[in-house]
Amino acid sequence: MLAAGAATRFGSPKSLARLDGRPLLAHVLDAAAAAGLVPTVVVLGDAADAVEPAIRWRAELRVRNPDPGRGLASSLRIGLEALGALEPSVAGAVILLGDQPWVRPDVIAALLACRASSERPIVAPRYADGGGPNPALVERSAFALAADLEGDRGLGPLIARRPELVTFVDVAGTNPDVDTPADLARLG
């Protein structure tokens, strides 16, 4: 789960912004737990000292991106490295974004179900109402692909550039992210 962004467009620690009385990050953590994602690695950034005590953590492993200004891709690499180092080893990862509080467990379940029949190392949703390919499932064999990613777009450019690596799963709705206070107001 990537939650290390600087929130420059938001103006304060976005992970702690309230939606329905709870921090944005708590909504994403709840979706991961409801989908049965274990282990869970959360990548935090400069606001980690404020986020750590404000969230009701379960058993999530929290790691810090020492330079979140390098963008989402750097957090993705750090998260995959932390997950890849765990024992017992994991077969893959579902990449969740901490600023997408409406991520749904049924979408995560659809990705996991598709994984069993897919020969491709990435499984991503295709939302009926539009939106980006998040969350995305990445097989361990494809973790190394993150090494070449740069900037603030995570897996998006790789998915667009290498569609032969991706199985898309059609799902209902959308999965908006919160970049600005206006985005949060629209969700609330």
C-alpha atoms as a PDB file:
ATOM      1  CA  MET A   1       0.000   0.000   0.000  1.00  0.00           C
ATOM      2  CA  LEU A   2       1.561   3.240  -1.133  1.00  0.00           C
ATOM      3  CA  ALA A   3       0.960   6.192   1.212  1.00  0.00           C
ATOM      4  CA  ALA A   4       4.198   8.181   1.051  1.00  0.00           C
ATOM      5  CA  GLY A   5       3.141  11.026  -1.225  1.00  0.00           C
ATOM      6  CA  ALA A   6       4.018  14.595  -0.322  1.00  0.00           C
ATOM      7  CA  ALA A   7       0.377  15.717  -0.830  1.00  0.00           C
ATOM      8  CA  THR A   8       1.548  18.986  -2.372  1.00  0.00           C
ATOM      9  CA  ARG A   9      -1.799  19.545  -4.092  1.00  0.00           C
ATOM     10  CA  PHE A  10      -3.680  18.605  -0.938  1.00  0.00           C
ATOM     11  CA  GLY A  11      -1.786  20.828   1.497  1.00  0.00           C
ATOM     12  CA  SER A  12      -1.594  18.499   4.522  1.00  0.00           C
ATOM     13  CA  PRO A  13      -1.008  14.806   5.221  1.00  0.00           C
ATOM     14  CA  LYS A  14      -3.547  13.327   2.838  1.00  0.00           C
ATOM     15  CA  SER A  15      -3.522   9.943   4.573  1.00  0.00           C
ATOM     16  CA  LEU A  16      -5.056  11.608   7.623  1.00  0.00           C
ATOM     17  CA  ALA A  17      -7.731  13.631   5.816  1.00  0.00           C
ATOM     18  CA  ARG A  18     -11.149  12.608   7.096  1.00  0.00           C
ATOM     19  CA  LEU A  19     -13.806  10.863   5.040  1.00  0.00           C
ATOM     20  CA  ASP A  20     -16.897   9.688   6.899  1.00  0.00           C
ATOM     21  CA  GLY A  21     -15.117  10.493  10.152  1.00  0.00           C
ATOM     22  CA  ARG A  22     -12.065   8.313   9.449  1.00  0.00           C
ATOM     23  CA  PRO A  23      -8.643   8.891   7.872  1.00  0.00           C
ATOM     24  CA  LEU A  24      -8.412   8.119   4.135  1.00  0.00           C
ATOM     25  CA  LEU A  25      -5.715   5.553   4.800  1.00  0.00           C
ATOM     26  CA  ALA A  26      -7.990   3.693   7.254  1.00  0.00           C
ATOM     27  CA  HIS A  27     -10.511   3.097   4.461  1.00  0.00           C
ATOM     28  CA  VAL A  28      -7.852   1.499   2.264  1.00  0.00           C
ATOM     29  CA  LEU A  29      -6.493  -0.590   5.142  1.00  0.00           C
ATOM     30  CA  ASP A  30     -10.025  -1.841   5.833  1.00  0.00           C
ATOM     31  CA  ALA A  31     -10.506  -2.837   2.177  1.00  0.00           C
ATOM     32  CA  ALA A  32      -7.208  -4.754   2.222  1.00  0.00           C
ATOM     33  CA  ALA A  33      -8.215  -6.542   5.428  1.00  0.00           C
ATOM     34  CA  ALA A  34     -11.703  -7.332   4.095  1.00  0.00           C
ATOM     35  CA  ALA A  35     -10.111  -8.835   0.986  1.00  0.00           C
ATOM     36  CA  GLY A  36      -7.841 -10.994   3.153  1.00  0.00           C
ATOM     37  CA  LEU A  37      -4.566  -9.458   1.953  1.00  0.00           C
ATOM     38  CA  VAL A  38      -1.847 -10.764   4.251  1.00  0.00           C
ATOM     39  CA  PRO A  39       0.878  -9.727   4.714  1.00  0.00           C
ATOM     40  CA  THR A  40       0.324  -6.030   4.135  1.00  0.00           C
ATOM     41  CA  VAL A  41       3.202  -3.604   3.647  1.00  0.00           C
ATOM     42  CA  VAL A  42       2.451   0.132   3.932  1.00  0.00           C
ATOM     43  CA  VAL A  43       4.982   2.610   2.553  1.00  0.00           C
ATOM     44  CA  LEU A  44       4.927   5.911   4.429  1.00  0.00           C
ATOM     45  CA  GLY A  45       6.794   9.119   3.644  1.00  0.00           C
ATOM     46  CA  ASP A  46       7.596  12.455   5.273  1.00  0.00           C
ATOM     47  CA  ALA A  47       4.314  12.492   7.240  1.00  0.00           C
ATOM     48  CA  ALA A  48       5.012   9.085   8.827  1.00  0.00           C
ATOM     49  CA  ASP A  49       5.506  10.563  12.304  1.00  0.00           C
ATOM     50  CA  ALA A  50       1.987  12.029  12.155  1.00  0.00           C
ATOM     51  CA  VAL A  51       0.390   9.029  10.416  1.00  0.00           C
ATOM     52  CA  GLU A  52       1.821   6.266  12.636  1.00  0.00           C
ATOM     53  CA  PRO A  53      -0.021   7.228  15.864  1.00  0.00           C
ATOM     54  CA  ALA A  54      -3.225   8.323  14.097  1.00  0.00           C
ATOM     55  CA  ILE A  55      -4.077   4.986  12.466  1.00  0.00           C
ATOM     56  CA  ARG A  56      -5.449   1.879  14.166  1.00  0.00           C
ATOM     57  CA  TRP A  57      -2.952  -0.605  12.782  1.00  0.00           C
ATOM     58  CA  ARG A  58      -3.497  -4.328  12.590  1.00  0.00           C
ATOM     59  CA  ALA A  59      -0.426  -6.381  11.659  1.00  0.00           C
ATOM     60  CA  GLU A  60       0.676  -4.201   8.726  1.00  0.00           C
ATOM     61  CA  LEU A  61       4.405  -3.835   8.224  1.00  0.00           C
ATOM     62  CA  ARG A  62       5.234  -0.146   7.864  1.00  0.00           C
ATOM     63  CA  VAL A  63       8.299   0.984   5.952  1.00  0.00           C
ATOM     64  CA  ARG A  64       9.440   4.477   5.096  1.00  0.00           C
ATOM     65  CA  ASN A  65      10.421   5.983   1.810  1.00  0.00           C
ATOM     66  CA  PRO A  66      13.389   8.185   2.751  1.00  0.00           C
ATOM     67  CA  ASP A  67      12.924  10.329  -0.371  1.00  0.00           C
ATOM     68  CA  PRO A  68       9.241  10.373  -1.360  1.00  0.00           C
ATOM     69  CA  GLY A  69       9.942  13.382  -3.572  1.00  0.00           C
ATOM     70  CA  ARG A  70      11.296  10.899  -6.125  1.00  0.00           C
ATOM     71  CA  GLY A  71       7.683   9.916  -6.770  1.00  0.00           C
ATOM     72  CA  LEU A  72       5.287   7.017  -6.506  1.00  0.00           C
ATOM     73  CA  ALA A  73       7.618   4.708  -8.419  1.00  0.00           C
ATOM     74  CA  SER A  74      10.206   4.943  -5.628  1.00  0.00           C
ATOM     75  CA  SER A  75       7.573   3.965  -3.058  1.00  0.00           C
ATOM     76  CA  LEU A  76       6.489   1.073  -5.252  1.00  0.00           C
ATOM     77  CA  ARG A  77      10.064  -0.232  -5.383  1.00  0.00           C
ATOM     78  CA  ILE A  78      10.475   0.110  -1.604  1.00  0.00           C
ATOM     79  CA  GLY A  79       7.192  -1.686  -0.951  1.00  0.00           C
ATOM     80  CA  LEU A  80       7.980  -4.536  -3.334  1.00  0.00           C
ATOM     81  CA  GLU A  81      11.467  -4.908  -1.849  1.00  0.00           C
ATOM     82  CA  ALA A  82      10.026  -5.104   1.675  1.00  0.00           C
ATOM     83  CA  LEU A  83       7.378  -7.600   0.584  1.00  0.00           C
ATOM     84  CA  GLY A  84       9.912  -9.640  -1.375  1.00  0.00           C
ATOM     85  CA  ALA A  85      12.139  -9.934   1.691  1.00  0.00           C
ATOM     86  CA  LEU A  86       9.440 -11.465   3.876  1.00  0.00           C
ATOM     87  CA  GLU A  87       9.471 -15.110   4.911  1.00  0.00           C
ATOM     88  CA  PRO A  88       7.641 -17.149   3.931  1.00  0.00           C
ATOM     89  CA  SER A  89       7.914 -15.677   0.479  1.00  0.00           C
ATOM     90  CA  VAL A  90       4.886 -14.248  -1.282  1.00  0.00           C
ATOM     91  CA  ALA A  91       3.718 -15.200  -4.758  1.00  0.00           C
ATOM     92  CA  GLY A  92       2.613 -11.701  -5.682  1.00  0.00           C
ATOM     93  CA  ALA A  93       1.406  -8.325  -4.505  1.00  0.00           C
ATOM     94  CA  VAL A  94      -1.760  -6.290  -4.821  1.00  0.00           C
ATOM     95  CA  ILE A  95      -0.664  -2.673  -5.146  1.00  0.00           C
ATOM     96  CA  LEU A  96      -3.080  -0.327  -3.382  1.00  0.00           C
ATOM     97  CA  LEU A  97      -2.921   3.457  -3.245  1.00  0.00           C
ATOM     98  CA  GLY A  98      -3.481   5.162   0.094  1.00  0.00           C
ATOM     99  CA  ASP A  99      -5.434   7.982  -1.526  1.00  0.00           C
ATOM    100  CA  GLN A 100      -8.141   5.756  -3.012  1.00  0.00           C
ATOM    101  CA  PRO A 101     -10.545   5.305  -0.081  1.00  0.00           C
ATOM    102  CA  TRP A 102     -13.290   3.789  -2.218  1.00  0.00           C
ATOM    103  CA  VAL A 103     -11.201   0.822  -3.326  1.00  0.00           C
ATOM    104  CA  ARG A 104     -13.476  -2.195  -3.031  1.00  0.00           C
ATOM    105  CA  PRO A 105     -12.713  -5.674  -1.689  1.00  0.00           C
ATOM    106  CA  ASP A 106     -14.740  -7.181  -4.556  1.00  0.00           C
ATOM    107  CA  VAL A 107     -12.349  -5.606  -7.073  1.00  0.00           C
ATOM    108  CA  ILE A 108      -9.383  -7.051  -5.186  1.00  0.00           C
ATOM    109  CA  ALA A 109     -11.148 -10.439  -5.139  1.00  0.00           C
ATOM    110  CA  ALA A 110     -11.711 -10.218  -8.916  1.00  0.00           C
ATOM    111  CA  LEU A 111      -7.991  -9.603  -9.458  1.00  0.00           C
ATOM    112  CA  LEU A 112      -7.062 -12.551  -7.255  1.00  0.00           C
ATOM    113  CA  ALA A 113      -9.577 -14.822  -8.991  1.00  0.00           C
ATOM    114  CA  CYS A 114      -8.266 -13.853 -12.418  1.00  0.00           C
ATOM    115  CA  ARG A 115      -4.697 -14.492 -11.303  1.00  0.00           C
ATOM    116  CA  ALA A 116      -5.307 -18.233 -11.201  1.00  0.00           C
ATOM    117  CA  SER A 117      -6.195 -18.386 -14.891  1.00  0.00           C
ATOM    118  CA  SER A 118      -3.868 -15.682 -16.223  1.00  0.00           C
ATOM    119  CA  GLU A 119      -0.569 -16.412 -17.918  1.00  0.00           C
ATOM    120  CA  ARG A 120       0.396 -12.729 -17.617  1.00  0.00           C
ATOM    121  CA  PRO A 121       2.254 -11.354 -14.585  1.00  0.00           C
ATOM    122  CA  ILE A 122       0.033  -8.277 -14.044  1.00  0.00           C
ATOM    123  CA  VAL A 123      -3.717  -8.208 -13.477  1.00  0.00           C
ATOM    124  CA  ALA A 124      -5.464  -4.831 -13.482  1.00  0.00           C
ATOM    125  CA  PRO A 125      -9.066  -3.651 -13.337  1.00  0.00           C
ATOM    126  CA  ARG A 126     -10.860  -1.896 -16.163  1.00  0.00           C
ATOM    127  CA  TYR A 127     -13.632   0.168 -14.549  1.00  0.00           C
ATOM    128  CA  ALA A 128     -16.973   0.530 -16.327  1.00  0.00           C
ATOM    129  CA  ASP A 129     -17.172   4.201 -15.308  1.00  0.00           C
ATOM    130  CA  GLY A 130     -13.536   5.007 -16.096  1.00  0.00           C
ATOM    131  CA  GLY A 131     -10.434   5.432 -14.010  1.00  0.00           C
ATOM    132  CA  GLY A 132      -6.914   4.138 -13.740  1.00  0.00           C
ATOM    133  CA  PRO A 133      -5.754   0.528 -13.392  1.00  0.00           C
ATOM    134  CA  ASN A 134      -5.699   0.461  -9.592  1.00  0.00           C
ATOM    135  CA  PRO A 135      -5.337  -1.647  -7.606  1.00  0.00           C
ATOM    136  CA  ALA A 136      -3.083  -3.904  -9.640  1.00  0.00           C
ATOM    137  CA  LEU A 137      -1.865  -7.404  -8.910  1.00  0.00           C
ATOM    138  CA  VAL A 138       1.781  -8.105  -9.733  1.00  0.00           C
ATOM    139  CA  GLU A 139       3.268 -11.590  -9.675  1.00  0.00           C
ATOM    140  CA  ARG A 140       6.578 -11.937  -7.866  1.00  0.00           C
ATOM    141  CA  SER A 141       8.213 -12.785 -11.205  1.00  0.00           C
ATOM    142  CA  ALA A 142       7.396  -9.221 -12.338  1.00  0.00           C
ATOM    143  CA  PHE A 143       8.603  -7.351  -9.223  1.00  0.00           C
ATOM    144  CA  ALA A 144      11.846  -6.515 -11.050  1.00  0.00           C
ATOM    145  CA  LEU A 145       9.891  -4.510 -13.645  1.00  0.00           C
ATOM    146  CA  ALA A 146       9.477  -1.793 -11.014  1.00  0.00           C
ATOM    147  CA  ALA A 147      13.232  -1.127 -11.103  1.00  0.00           C
ATOM    148  CA  ASP A 148      12.889   0.848 -14.338  1.00  0.00           C
ATOM    149  CA  LEU A 149       9.889   2.931 -13.268  1.00  0.00           C
ATOM    150  CA  GLU A 150      10.351   6.591 -12.425  1.00  0.00           C
ATOM    151  CA  GLY A 151       8.275   9.539 -11.352  1.00  0.00           C
ATOM    152  CA  ASP A 152       4.852   9.789  -9.858  1.00  0.00           C
ATOM    153  CA  ARG A 153       2.841   7.302 -11.894  1.00  0.00           C
ATOM    154  CA  GLY A 154       3.693   3.883 -10.479  1.00  0.00           C
ATOM    155  CA  LEU A 155       2.640   0.956 -12.675  1.00  0.00           C
ATOM    156  CA  GLY A 156       0.461   3.058 -15.010  1.00  0.00           C
ATOM    157  CA  PRO A 157       3.135   3.741 -17.660  1.00  0.00           C
ATOM    158  CA  LEU A 158       4.295   0.113 -17.614  1.00  0.00           C
ATOM    159  CA  ILE A 159       0.734  -1.140 -18.057  1.00  0.00           C
ATOM    160  CA  ALA A 160       0.187   1.281 -20.949  1.00  0.00           C
ATOM    161  CA  ARG A 161       3.546   0.490 -22.591  1.00  0.00           C
ATOM    162  CA  ARG A 162       3.467  -3.295 -22.129  1.00  0.00           C
ATOM    163  CA  PRO A 163      -0.171  -4.467 -22.477  1.00  0.00           C
ATOM    164  CA  GLU A 164       1.072  -7.961 -23.386  1.00  0.00           C
ATOM    165  CA  LEU A 165       2.026  -8.346 -19.701  1.00  0.00           C
ATOM    166  CA  VAL A 166      -1.439  -7.417 -18.437  1.00  0.00           C
ATOM    167  CA  THR A 167      -4.727  -9.232 -18.046  1.00  0.00           C
ATOM    168  CA  PHE A 168      -7.581  -6.754 -17.588  1.00  0.00           C
ATOM    169  CA  VAL A 169     -10.608  -7.588 -15.457  1.00  0.00           C
ATOM    170  CA  ASP A 170     -13.823  -5.692 -16.194  1.00  0.00           C
ATOM    171  CA  VAL A 171     -15.409  -4.348 -12.996  1.00  0.00           C
ATOM    172  CA  ALA A 172     -18.299  -2.057 -12.196  1.00  0.00           C
ATOM    173  CA  GLY A 173     -17.988   1.530 -11.030  1.00  0.00           C
ATOM    174  CA  THR A 174     -14.806   3.515 -10.626  1.00  0.00           C
ATOM    175  CA  ASN A 175     -12.030   4.043  -8.066  1.00  0.00           C
ATOM    176  CA  PRO A 176     -11.363   7.775  -7.676  1.00  0.00           C
ATOM    177  CA  ASP A 177      -8.289   9.070  -5.952  1.00  0.00           C
ATOM    178  CA  VAL A 178      -8.002  12.100  -3.712  1.00  0.00           C
ATOM    179  CA  ASP A 179      -5.450  14.624  -4.902  1.00  0.00           C
ATOM    180  CA  THR A 180      -7.034  17.872  -3.694  1.00  0.00           C
ATOM    181  CA  PRO A 181      -9.456  19.019  -0.992  1.00  0.00           C
ATOM    182  CA  ALA A 182     -12.052  19.404  -3.776  1.00  0.00           C
ATOM    183  CA  ASP A 183     -11.625  15.698  -4.658  1.00  0.00           C
ATOM    184  CA  LEU A 184     -12.248  14.809  -1.027  1.00  0.00           C
ATOM    185  CA  ALA A 185     -15.332  17.043  -0.897  1.00  0.00           C
ATOM    186  CA  ARG A 186     -16.743  15.252  -3.966  1.00  0.00           C
ATOM    187  CA  LEU A 187     -16.302  11.862  -2.285  1.00  0.00           C
ATOM    188  CA  GLY A 188     -17.861  13.013   0.968  1.00  0.00           C
END
